[in-house]
């Protein structure tokens, strides 16, 4: 397939008439007809106009060579693909979309903030784990103390009982 044939395919895929596509690339309908018929070639300025076309994100490499996809994925398409691939809720999607649209310096600030929050949470969890261990140790010590008291009480009772039997 030639570049001229790919231009026809692009026009038809975008549901544009020759007049509409001609206006997009800055030429008349008859000039576009000449390009599509192969009488004239596609010029760099035509490619530039297509590259800057706001309605569609045309893959100029595809138009030139036929390799790749006809359209480039724009930011919205890429984010939507993430939403679908990772089954993101609306809130999760908004967080991801907001983050990727931030300036790199702002993203770094946000990452540092999040690291700080996570570090504080880990410290609280570690502190909580220490407190749990301490509480369990105190409970075990109390249980051991009660056991010792029972054993000593039983030993004293046994001695008293033995002493009482000898007196009689």
N, C-alpha and C. Protein backbone atom coordinates (compact mmCIF):
# COMPACT_ATOMS: atom_id res chain seq x y z
N UNK A 1 0.85 -1.17 0.00
CA UNK A 1 0.00 0.00 0.00
C UNK A 1 0.90 1.24 0.00
N UNK A 2 0.59 2.20 -0.82
CA UNK A 2 1.39 3.43 -0.92
C UNK A 2 0.91 4.45 0.09
N UNK A 3 1.70 5.49 0.28
CA UNK A 3 1.30 6.57 1.18
C UNK A 3 0.00 7.20 0.69
N UNK A 4 -0.18 7.28 -0.62
CA UNK A 4 -1.40 7.86 -1.18
C UNK A 4 -2.61 6.99 -0.82
N UNK A 5 -2.43 5.68 -0.90
CA UNK A 5 -3.52 4.77 -0.55
C UNK A 5 -3.81 4.82 0.95
N UNK A 6 -2.76 4.97 1.75
CA UNK A 6 -2.96 5.08 3.20
C UNK A 6 -3.69 6.38 3.54
N UNK A 7 -3.42 7.44 2.78
CA UNK A 7 -4.12 8.71 3.00
C UNK A 7 -5.62 8.54 2.71
N UNK A 8 -5.95 7.80 1.66
CA UNK A 8 -7.36 7.51 1.36
C UNK A 8 -7.98 6.73 2.51
N UNK A 9 -7.28 5.71 2.98
CA UNK A 9 -7.77 4.89 4.10
C UNK A 9 -7.98 5.75 5.34
N UNK A 10 -7.03 6.62 5.61
CA UNK A 10 -7.14 7.52 6.77
C UNK A 10 -8.37 8.40 6.62
N UNK A 11 -8.54 9.01 5.46
CA UNK A 11 -9.69 9.89 5.23
C UNK A 11 -11.00 9.15 5.44
N UNK A 12 -11.10 7.96 4.88
CA UNK A 12 -12.34 7.18 5.00
C UNK A 12 -12.57 6.70 6.43
N UNK A 13 -11.50 6.32 7.11
CA UNK A 13 -11.62 5.89 8.51
C UNK A 13 -12.13 7.04 9.38
N UNK A 14 -11.68 8.24 9.07
CA UNK A 14 -12.09 9.43 9.84
C UNK A 14 -13.42 9.99 9.34
N UNK A 15 -14.00 9.32 8.32
CA UNK A 15 -15.29 9.72 7.75
C UNK A 15 -15.28 11.17 7.28
N UNK A 16 -14.26 11.49 6.50
CA UNK A 16 -14.11 12.84 5.96
C UNK A 16 -14.26 12.79 4.44
N UNK A 17 -14.85 13.84 3.89
CA UNK A 17 -14.91 13.97 2.43
C UNK A 17 -13.55 14.48 1.96
N UNK A 18 -13.34 14.46 0.65
CA UNK A 18 -12.10 15.02 0.11
C UNK A 18 -12.00 16.50 0.43
N UNK A 19 -13.09 17.21 0.40
CA UNK A 19 -13.08 18.65 0.72
C UNK A 19 -12.68 18.87 2.18
N UNK A 20 -13.26 18.07 3.07
CA UNK A 20 -12.95 18.22 4.51
C UNK A 20 -11.49 17.86 4.78
N UNK A 21 -11.01 16.76 4.23
CA UNK A 21 -9.61 16.34 4.45
C UNK A 21 -8.66 17.34 3.81
N UNK A 22 -9.04 17.85 2.61
CA UNK A 22 -8.21 18.87 1.96
C UNK A 22 -8.06 20.09 2.85
N UNK A 23 -9.16 20.52 3.47
CA UNK A 23 -9.10 21.69 4.36
C UNK A 23 -8.19 21.41 5.56
N UNK A 24 -8.22 20.19 6.05
CA UNK A 24 -7.40 19.82 7.20
C UNK A 24 -5.92 19.91 6.87
N UNK A 25 -5.53 19.48 5.68
CA UNK A 25 -4.10 19.51 5.32
C UNK A 25 -3.73 20.74 4.50
N UNK A 26 -4.70 21.66 4.35
CA UNK A 26 -4.38 22.94 3.73
C UNK A 26 -4.35 22.94 2.21
N UNK A 27 -5.15 22.08 1.58
CA UNK A 27 -5.21 22.04 0.12
C UNK A 27 -6.67 21.94 -0.32
N UNK A 28 -6.89 22.13 -1.59
CA UNK A 28 -8.25 22.04 -2.13
C UNK A 28 -8.66 20.58 -2.31
N UNK A 29 -9.96 20.40 -2.57
CA UNK A 29 -10.48 19.06 -2.82
C UNK A 29 -9.83 18.46 -4.06
N UNK A 30 -9.65 19.26 -5.09
CA UNK A 30 -9.06 18.74 -6.33
C UNK A 30 -7.58 18.37 -6.13
N UNK A 31 -6.86 19.13 -5.30
CA UNK A 31 -5.47 18.82 -5.01
C UNK A 31 -5.39 17.50 -4.24
N UNK A 32 -6.33 17.31 -3.32
CA UNK A 32 -6.36 16.04 -2.58
C UNK A 32 -6.70 14.88 -3.53
N UNK A 33 -7.61 15.11 -4.45
CA UNK A 33 -7.96 14.07 -5.43
C UNK A 33 -6.73 13.69 -6.24
N UNK A 34 -5.90 14.67 -6.60
CA UNK A 34 -4.67 14.39 -7.34
C UNK A 34 -3.70 13.56 -6.50
N UNK A 35 -3.62 13.84 -5.21
CA UNK A 35 -2.74 13.06 -4.32
C UNK A 35 -3.28 11.64 -4.21
N UNK A 36 -4.58 11.50 -3.95
CA UNK A 36 -5.17 10.18 -3.77
C UNK A 36 -5.05 9.33 -5.03
N UNK A 37 -5.11 9.97 -6.20
CA UNK A 37 -4.99 9.22 -7.46
C UNK A 37 -3.55 8.87 -7.79
N UNK A 38 -2.61 9.48 -7.06
CA UNK A 38 -1.20 9.20 -7.31
C UNK A 38 -0.54 10.17 -8.27
N UNK A 39 -1.30 11.14 -8.79
CA UNK A 39 -0.72 12.12 -9.71
C UNK A 39 0.25 13.05 -8.98
N UNK A 40 0.00 13.27 -7.70
CA UNK A 40 0.89 14.10 -6.88
C UNK A 40 1.24 13.33 -5.61
N UNK A 41 2.31 13.71 -5.00
CA UNK A 41 2.73 13.04 -3.77
C UNK A 41 2.31 13.80 -2.53
N UNK A 42 2.40 13.13 -1.41
CA UNK A 42 2.14 13.75 -0.12
C UNK A 42 3.40 14.49 0.28
N UNK A 43 3.26 15.76 0.63
CA UNK A 43 4.40 16.59 0.99
C UNK A 43 4.57 16.65 2.51
N UNK A 44 5.77 17.05 2.92
CA UNK A 44 6.04 17.17 4.36
C UNK A 44 5.06 18.12 5.03
N UNK A 45 4.67 19.19 4.35
CA UNK A 45 3.74 20.14 4.96
C UNK A 45 2.37 19.49 5.19
N UNK A 46 1.97 18.55 4.34
CA UNK A 46 0.72 17.83 4.54
C UNK A 46 0.83 16.95 5.80
N UNK A 47 1.97 16.30 5.91
CA UNK A 47 2.21 15.45 7.08
C UNK A 47 2.20 16.26 8.37
N UNK A 48 2.81 17.45 8.30
CA UNK A 48 2.84 18.32 9.47
C UNK A 48 1.43 18.73 9.88
N UNK A 49 0.59 19.05 8.90
CA UNK A 49 -0.79 19.42 9.20
C UNK A 49 -1.53 18.24 9.85
N UNK A 50 -1.30 17.04 9.35
CA UNK A 50 -1.94 15.87 9.94
C UNK A 50 -1.41 15.58 11.34
N UNK A 51 -0.12 15.82 11.52
CA UNK A 51 0.49 15.59 12.83
C UNK A 51 -0.11 16.54 13.87
N UNK A 52 -0.49 17.74 13.45
CA UNK A 52 -1.05 18.73 14.37
C UNK A 52 -2.58 18.73 14.41
N UNK A 53 -3.20 17.78 13.74
CA UNK A 53 -4.65 17.68 13.69
C UNK A 53 -5.17 17.34 15.09
N UNK A 54 -6.03 18.17 15.63
CA UNK A 54 -6.53 18.00 17.00
C UNK A 54 -7.59 16.90 17.13
N UNK A 55 -8.34 16.68 16.06
CA UNK A 55 -9.44 15.71 16.13
C UNK A 55 -8.94 14.27 16.23
N UNK A 56 -7.88 13.96 15.51
CA UNK A 56 -7.30 12.61 15.53
C UNK A 56 -5.79 12.73 15.73
N UNK A 57 -5.24 11.75 16.39
CA UNK A 57 -3.78 11.70 16.60
C UNK A 57 -3.19 10.71 15.59
N UNK A 58 -2.94 11.23 14.39
CA UNK A 58 -2.47 10.39 13.29
C UNK A 58 -1.02 9.99 13.52
N UNK A 59 -0.75 8.72 13.33
CA UNK A 59 0.61 8.20 13.41
C UNK A 59 1.27 8.44 12.06
N UNK A 60 2.10 9.47 11.99
CA UNK A 60 2.73 9.87 10.73
C UNK A 60 3.66 8.77 10.22
N UNK A 61 4.29 8.03 11.12
CA UNK A 61 5.14 6.91 10.68
C UNK A 61 4.30 5.87 9.94
N UNK A 62 3.09 5.60 10.44
CA UNK A 62 2.20 4.67 9.74
C UNK A 62 1.87 5.21 8.35
N UNK A 63 1.56 6.50 8.30
CA UNK A 63 1.20 7.08 7.00
C UNK A 63 2.36 6.98 6.01
N UNK A 64 3.57 7.21 6.48
CA UNK A 64 4.75 7.14 5.60
C UNK A 64 5.12 5.72 5.22
N UNK A 65 5.09 4.81 6.19
CA UNK A 65 5.65 3.47 5.97
C UNK A 65 4.64 2.33 6.01
N UNK A 66 3.50 2.57 6.63
CA UNK A 66 2.52 1.50 6.82
C UNK A 66 2.78 0.68 8.06
N UNK A 67 3.82 1.02 8.82
CA UNK A 67 4.15 0.27 10.04
C UNK A 67 3.48 0.90 11.25
N UNK A 68 3.04 0.05 12.15
CA UNK A 68 2.39 0.53 13.37
C UNK A 68 0.90 0.71 13.18
N UNK A 69 0.31 1.46 14.07
CA UNK A 69 -1.13 1.72 14.04
C UNK A 69 -1.41 3.03 13.32
N UNK A 70 -2.60 3.18 12.79
CA UNK A 70 -2.99 4.39 12.08
C UNK A 70 -3.01 5.60 13.02
N UNK A 71 -3.44 5.37 14.26
CA UNK A 71 -3.56 6.47 15.21
C UNK A 71 -2.65 6.23 16.42
N UNK A 72 -2.16 7.32 16.95
CA UNK A 72 -1.37 7.26 18.17
C UNK A 72 -2.33 7.31 19.35
N UNK A 73 -1.92 6.69 20.42
CA UNK A 73 -2.73 6.73 21.62
C UNK A 73 -2.48 8.07 22.31
N UNK A 74 -3.54 8.82 22.57
CA UNK A 74 -3.35 10.08 23.28
C UNK A 74 -3.43 9.83 24.78
N UNK A 75 -3.23 10.87 25.56
CA UNK A 75 -3.20 10.73 27.02
C UNK A 75 -4.48 10.11 27.55
N UNK A 76 -5.62 10.59 27.03
CA UNK A 76 -6.90 10.05 27.49
C UNK A 76 -7.04 8.57 27.18
N UNK A 77 -6.60 8.18 25.99
CA UNK A 77 -6.67 6.77 25.61
C UNK A 77 -5.76 5.93 26.51
N UNK A 78 -4.57 6.44 26.77
CA UNK A 78 -3.62 5.70 27.61
C UNK A 78 -4.16 5.54 29.02
N UNK A 79 -4.74 6.62 29.56
CA UNK A 79 -5.30 6.53 30.91
C UNK A 79 -6.50 5.59 30.95
N UNK A 80 -7.31 5.65 29.92
CA UNK A 80 -8.47 4.74 29.86
C UNK A 80 -8.01 3.29 29.78
N UNK A 81 -6.93 3.04 29.05
CA UNK A 81 -6.38 1.68 28.97
C UNK A 81 -5.91 1.22 30.36
N UNK A 82 -5.30 2.12 31.14
CA UNK A 82 -4.90 1.78 32.51
C UNK A 82 -6.13 1.47 33.37
N UNK A 83 -7.18 2.29 33.23
CA UNK A 83 -8.40 2.08 34.01
C UNK A 83 -8.94 0.66 33.75
N UNK A 84 -8.97 0.29 32.49
CA UNK A 84 -9.51 -1.02 32.12
C UNK A 84 -8.57 -2.14 32.56
N UNK A 85 -7.29 -1.99 32.28
CA UNK A 85 -6.32 -3.05 32.60
C UNK A 85 -6.25 -3.34 34.09
N UNK A 86 -6.38 -2.29 34.92
CA UNK A 86 -6.23 -2.47 36.37
C UNK A 86 -7.56 -2.35 37.11
N UNK A 87 -8.68 -2.29 36.36
CA UNK A 87 -10.01 -2.23 36.96
C UNK A 87 -10.08 -1.15 38.04
N UNK A 88 -9.67 0.07 37.66
CA UNK A 88 -9.62 1.18 38.61
C UNK A 88 -11.01 1.75 38.88
N UNK A 89 -11.26 2.06 40.14
CA UNK A 89 -12.50 2.77 40.49
C UNK A 89 -12.35 4.22 40.01
N UNK A 90 -13.43 4.98 40.07
CA UNK A 90 -13.35 6.38 39.64
C UNK A 90 -12.33 7.15 40.48
N UNK A 91 -12.33 6.92 41.78
CA UNK A 91 -11.37 7.62 42.65
C UNK A 91 -9.94 7.23 42.32
N UNK A 92 -9.68 5.93 42.15
CA UNK A 92 -8.34 5.47 41.80
C UNK A 92 -7.90 6.07 40.46
N UNK A 93 -8.82 6.09 39.50
CA UNK A 93 -8.51 6.66 38.19
C UNK A 93 -8.18 8.15 38.32
N UNK A 94 -8.97 8.89 39.10
CA UNK A 94 -8.70 10.32 39.28
C UNK A 94 -7.34 10.56 39.92
N UNK A 95 -6.97 9.72 40.87
CA UNK A 95 -5.66 9.86 41.53
C UNK A 95 -4.54 9.64 40.52
N UNK A 96 -4.63 8.56 39.74
CA UNK A 96 -3.60 8.25 38.74
C UNK A 96 -3.54 9.36 37.69
N UNK A 97 -4.70 9.77 37.18
CA UNK A 97 -4.74 10.79 36.13
C UNK A 97 -4.17 12.11 36.64
N UNK A 98 -4.52 12.50 37.84
CA UNK A 98 -4.00 13.74 38.41
C UNK A 98 -2.50 13.66 38.58
N UNK A 99 -2.03 12.52 39.07
CA UNK A 99 -0.59 12.35 39.30
C UNK A 99 0.20 12.46 37.99
N UNK A 100 -0.23 11.75 36.95
CA UNK A 100 0.56 11.75 35.71
C UNK A 100 0.49 13.09 34.99
N UNK A 101 -0.53 13.88 35.27
CA UNK A 101 -0.64 15.20 34.64
C UNK A 101 0.14 16.28 35.38
N UNK A 102 0.69 15.93 36.55
CA UNK A 102 1.48 16.90 37.33
C UNK A 102 2.82 17.14 36.66
N UNK A 103 3.37 18.31 36.92
CA UNK A 103 4.73 18.59 36.48
C UNK A 103 5.67 17.64 37.23
N UNK A 104 6.77 17.22 36.62
CA UNK A 104 7.69 16.28 37.29
C UNK A 104 8.11 16.72 38.70
N UNK A 105 8.38 18.01 38.88
CA UNK A 105 8.79 18.49 40.21
C UNK A 105 7.66 18.31 41.21
N UNK A 106 6.42 18.56 40.79
CA UNK A 106 5.26 18.38 41.67
C UNK A 106 5.04 16.91 42.00
N UNK A 107 5.30 16.04 41.02
CA UNK A 107 5.19 14.60 41.28
C UNK A 107 6.17 14.18 42.35
N UNK A 108 7.39 14.72 42.28
CA UNK A 108 8.42 14.37 43.26
C UNK A 108 8.00 14.85 44.66
N UNK A 109 7.41 16.04 44.73
CA UNK A 109 6.90 16.55 46.01
C UNK A 109 5.83 15.61 46.55
N UNK A 110 4.92 15.19 45.68
CA UNK A 110 3.84 14.28 46.09
C UNK A 110 4.42 12.94 46.56
N UNK A 111 5.40 12.42 45.84
CA UNK A 111 6.02 11.15 46.24
C UNK A 111 6.70 11.26 47.60
N UNK A 112 7.39 12.37 47.83
CA UNK A 112 8.04 12.58 49.13
C UNK A 112 7.01 12.67 50.24
N UNK A 113 5.90 13.35 49.98
CA UNK A 113 4.81 13.43 50.95
C UNK A 113 4.28 12.02 51.27
N UNK A 114 4.04 11.24 50.23
CA UNK A 114 3.49 9.89 50.42
C UNK A 114 4.49 9.00 51.16
N UNK A 115 5.77 9.13 50.84
CA UNK A 115 6.79 8.36 51.56
C UNK A 115 6.77 8.70 53.04
N UNK A 116 6.64 10.00 53.36
CA UNK A 116 6.57 10.44 54.75
C UNK A 116 5.38 9.85 55.48
N UNK A 117 4.22 9.87 54.83
CA UNK A 117 3.01 9.29 55.42
C UNK A 117 3.23 7.80 55.67
N UNK A 118 3.77 7.10 54.69
CA UNK A 118 3.98 5.65 54.83
C UNK A 118 5.01 5.35 55.92
N UNK A 119 6.07 6.14 56.00
CA UNK A 119 7.08 5.93 57.04
C UNK A 119 6.46 6.12 58.43
N UNK A 120 5.62 7.17 58.59
CA UNK A 120 4.97 7.40 59.89
C UNK A 120 4.02 6.26 60.22
N UNK A 121 3.31 5.75 59.22
CA UNK A 121 2.39 4.64 59.45
C UNK A 121 3.15 3.39 59.87
N UNK A 122 4.26 3.11 59.20
CA UNK A 122 5.09 1.95 59.57
C UNK A 122 5.61 2.10 61.01
N UNK A 123 6.00 3.33 61.36
CA UNK A 123 6.51 3.56 62.72
C UNK A 123 5.39 3.32 63.74
N UNK A 124 4.17 3.77 63.43
CA UNK A 124 3.03 3.53 64.34
C UNK A 124 2.76 2.04 64.46
N UNK A 125 2.82 1.33 63.33
CA UNK A 125 2.58 -0.11 63.37
C UNK A 125 3.65 -0.81 64.17
N UNK A 126 4.91 -0.40 64.02
CA UNK A 126 6.01 -1.00 64.78
C UNK A 126 5.82 -0.69 66.26
N UNK A 127 5.42 0.55 66.57
CA UNK A 127 5.18 0.95 67.95
C UNK A 127 4.02 0.12 68.51
N UNK A 128 3.01 -0.07 67.75
CA UNK A 128 1.86 -0.86 68.16
C UNK A 128 2.29 -2.31 68.39
N UNK A 129 3.15 -2.84 67.55
CA UNK A 129 3.65 -4.20 67.70
C UNK A 129 4.46 -4.31 68.99
N UNK A 130 5.30 -3.28 69.25
CA UNK A 130 6.07 -3.27 70.50
C UNK A 130 5.14 -3.26 71.70
N UNK A 131 4.10 -2.44 71.63
CA UNK A 131 3.14 -2.34 72.73
C UNK A 131 2.43 -3.68 72.94
N UNK A 132 2.08 -4.37 71.84
CA UNK A 132 1.41 -5.67 71.95
C UNK A 132 2.33 -6.67 72.62
N UNK A 133 3.60 -6.69 72.21
CA UNK A 133 4.57 -7.62 72.80
C UNK A 133 4.75 -7.32 74.28
N UNK A 134 4.84 -6.03 74.60
CA UNK A 134 5.01 -5.62 76.00
C UNK A 134 3.79 -6.04 76.83
N UNK A 135 2.58 -5.83 76.31
CA UNK A 135 1.35 -6.21 77.01
C UNK A 135 1.31 -7.73 77.22
N UNK A 136 1.64 -8.50 76.18
CA UNK A 136 1.63 -9.95 76.31
C UNK A 136 2.66 -10.41 77.34
N UNK A 137 3.82 -9.78 77.34
CA UNK A 137 4.86 -10.14 78.33
C UNK A 137 4.37 -9.82 79.75
N UNK A 138 3.71 -8.67 79.91
CA UNK A 138 3.18 -8.30 81.22
C UNK A 138 2.09 -9.29 81.67
N UNK A 139 1.24 -9.71 80.74
CA UNK A 139 0.19 -10.69 81.07
C UNK A 139 0.81 -12.03 81.47
N UNK A 140 1.84 -12.44 80.73
CA UNK A 140 2.51 -13.71 81.08
C UNK A 140 3.19 -13.61 82.44
N UNK A 141 3.80 -12.47 82.72
CA UNK A 141 4.46 -12.27 84.01
C UNK A 141 3.44 -12.31 85.14
N UNK A 142 2.27 -11.66 84.93
CA UNK A 142 1.22 -11.66 85.95
C UNK A 142 0.69 -13.07 86.18
N UNK A 143 0.51 -13.80 85.08
CA UNK A 143 0.03 -15.19 85.21
C UNK A 143 1.06 -16.04 85.97
N UNK A 144 2.34 -15.83 85.68
CA UNK A 144 3.41 -16.56 86.37
C UNK A 144 3.42 -16.20 87.86
N UNK A 145 3.22 -14.88 88.18
CA UNK A 145 3.18 -14.43 89.57
C UNK A 145 2.04 -15.10 90.32
N UNK A 146 0.86 -15.16 89.68
CA UNK A 146 -0.30 -15.80 90.32
C UNK A 146 -0.04 -17.28 90.55
N UNK A 147 0.60 -17.92 89.59
CA UNK A 147 0.92 -19.35 89.72
C UNK A 147 1.87 -19.57 90.90
N UNK A 148 2.88 -18.69 91.03
CA UNK A 148 3.82 -18.80 92.16
C UNK A 148 3.10 -18.62 93.49
N UNK A 149 2.18 -17.67 93.55
CA UNK A 149 1.43 -17.43 94.78
C UNK A 149 0.60 -18.66 95.12
N UNK A 150 -0.06 -19.24 94.12
CA UNK A 150 -0.86 -20.46 94.37
C UNK A 150 0.04 -21.58 94.89
N UNK A 151 1.21 -21.72 94.25
CA UNK A 151 2.12 -22.80 94.69
C UNK A 151 2.61 -22.55 96.10
N UNK A 152 2.96 -21.30 96.44
CA UNK A 152 3.44 -21.02 97.80
C UNK A 152 2.33 -21.19 98.82
N UNK A 153 1.11 -20.76 98.44
CA UNK A 153 -0.03 -20.91 99.34
C UNK A 153 -0.29 -22.40 99.58
N UNK A 154 -0.20 -23.17 98.53
CA UNK A 154 -0.41 -24.61 98.67
C UNK A 154 0.70 -25.22 99.52
N UNK A 155 1.94 -24.75 99.35
CA UNK A 155 3.06 -25.27 100.14
C UNK A 155 2.89 -24.91 101.60
N UNK A 156 2.48 -23.68 101.90
CA UNK A 156 2.27 -23.25 103.28
C UNK A 156 1.14 -24.05 103.90
N UNK A 157 0.06 -24.24 103.15
CA UNK A 157 -1.07 -25.03 103.66
C UNK A 157 -0.63 -26.45 103.94
N UNK A 158 0.20 -26.97 103.07
CA UNK A 158 0.67 -28.33 103.24
C UNK A 158 1.54 -28.42 104.50
N UNK A 159 2.41 -27.43 104.73
CA UNK A 159 3.27 -27.43 105.91
C UNK A 159 2.42 -27.28 107.16
N UNK A 160 1.44 -26.39 107.11
CA UNK A 160 0.55 -26.19 108.26
C UNK A 160 -0.22 -27.46 108.55
N UNK A 161 -0.66 -28.08 107.53
CA UNK A 161 -1.42 -29.31 107.66
C UNK A 161 -0.55 -30.40 108.25
N UNK A 162 0.69 -30.50 107.77
CA UNK A 162 1.63 -31.49 108.28
C UNK A 162 1.96 -31.19 109.73
N UNK A 163 2.15 -29.96 110.08
CA UNK A 163 2.49 -29.57 111.44
C UNK A 163 1.33 -29.88 112.37
N UNK A 164 0.13 -29.65 111.91
CA UNK A 164 -1.08 -29.91 112.73
C UNK A 164 -1.25 -31.38 113.00
N UNK A 165 -0.90 -32.22 112.09
CA UNK A 165 -1.04 -33.66 112.27
C UNK A 165 -0.03 -34.16 113.30
N UNK A 166 1.17 -33.52 113.35
CA UNK A 166 2.18 -33.96 114.29
C UNK A 166 1.84 -33.54 115.70
N UNK A 167 1.14 -32.42 115.82
CA UNK A 167 0.81 -31.92 117.16
C UNK A 167 -0.24 -32.82 117.79
N UNK A 168 -1.11 -33.34 117.07
CA UNK A 168 -2.18 -34.14 117.63
C UNK A 168 -1.71 -35.42 118.19
